[in-house]
Amino acid sequence: MKDSDLKELTAVEGSMEAEIIKSKLESFQIPVLLRFESAGHIFGITMNGLGKVSIMVPESFLEEAKKILAE
């Protein structure tokens, strides 16, 4: 999976929600990369955008991933 092929599906506050979404998408064989905002991840802060986690998927899976999350 190349970074240039990845698109942001959504962004959430905190790693727990991100991991749940990642697991759900992977159960449908959709590759997922989580991008953590570094300060929030290091210090465990989840306010004012510091705990932001971007959920990234390959562009070819983006529409399918959106439908899965909408369910």
Protein backbone atom coordinates (compact mmCIF):
# COMPACT_ATOMS: atom_id res chain seq x y z
CA MET A 1 0.00 0.00 0.00
CA LYS A 2 1.63 3.25 -1.15
CA ASP A 3 0.84 6.49 0.68
CA SER A 4 0.07 8.16 -2.65
CA ASP A 5 -2.76 5.67 -3.26
CA LEU A 6 -4.40 6.33 0.13
CA LYS A 7 -7.41 8.55 0.71
CA GLU A 8 -8.90 9.66 4.02
CA LEU A 9 -12.13 7.82 4.63
CA THR A 10 -12.91 9.65 7.85
CA ALA A 11 -11.24 11.07 10.95
CA VAL A 12 -12.19 10.27 14.53
CA GLU A 13 -11.14 11.39 17.99
CA GLY A 14 -9.13 8.74 19.79
CA SER A 15 -7.48 5.49 18.87
CA MET A 16 -10.16 3.18 20.32
CA GLU A 17 -12.84 4.25 17.81
CA ALA A 18 -10.26 4.16 15.00
CA GLU A 19 -9.26 0.59 15.87
CA ILE A 20 -12.92 -0.51 15.87
CA ILE A 21 -13.47 0.98 12.41
CA LYS A 22 -10.22 -0.54 11.17
CA SER A 23 -11.25 -3.99 12.38
CA LYS A 24 -14.65 -3.71 10.73
CA LEU A 25 -13.18 -2.67 7.38
CA GLU A 26 -10.49 -5.36 7.51
CA SER A 27 -13.21 -7.96 8.09
CA PHE A 28 -14.39 -6.99 4.57
CA GLN A 29 -10.80 -7.38 3.27
CA ILE A 30 -10.29 -3.62 2.95
CA PRO A 31 -6.73 -2.56 3.78
CA VAL A 32 -6.56 0.25 6.34
CA LEU A 33 -3.83 2.55 7.59
CA LEU A 34 -4.35 4.68 10.70
CA ARG A 35 -2.59 8.04 10.83
CA PHE A 36 -2.31 9.43 14.33
CA GLU A 37 -1.76 13.06 15.22
CA SER A 38 1.56 12.60 16.99
CA ALA A 39 1.14 14.67 20.19
CA GLY A 40 -2.27 13.19 20.96
CA HIS A 41 -1.00 9.66 20.43
CA ILE A 42 2.07 10.18 22.62
CA PHE A 43 0.31 11.96 25.47
CA GLY A 44 -3.14 10.36 25.17
CA ILE A 45 -4.85 13.71 24.63
CA THR A 46 -8.13 13.61 22.72
CA MET A 47 -9.27 17.22 22.64
CA ASN A 48 -8.94 20.14 20.23
CA GLY A 49 -7.82 17.84 17.42
CA LEU A 50 -4.85 16.41 19.32
CA GLY A 51 -6.34 12.92 19.39
CA LYS A 52 -7.31 12.94 15.73
CA VAL A 53 -6.87 9.66 13.89
CA SER A 54 -7.28 9.63 10.11
CA ILE A 55 -8.56 6.38 8.69
CA MET A 56 -6.89 5.87 5.34
CA VAL A 57 -7.86 3.35 2.65
CA PRO A 58 -6.65 2.78 -0.91
CA GLU A 59 -8.61 4.92 -3.36
CA SER A 60 -9.93 1.80 -5.11
CA PHE A 61 -11.70 0.76 -1.86
CA LEU A 62 -12.96 4.20 -0.83
CA GLU A 63 -16.57 3.92 -2.05
CA GLU A 64 -17.00 0.40 -0.68
CA ALA A 65 -15.58 1.50 2.70
CA LYS A 66 -18.00 4.46 2.82
CA LYS A 67 -20.96 2.13 2.24
CA ILE A 68 -19.79 -0.24 5.00
CA LEU A 69 -19.46 2.60 7.51
CA ALA A 70 -22.86 3.99 6.56
CA GLU A 71 -24.56 0.72 7.58
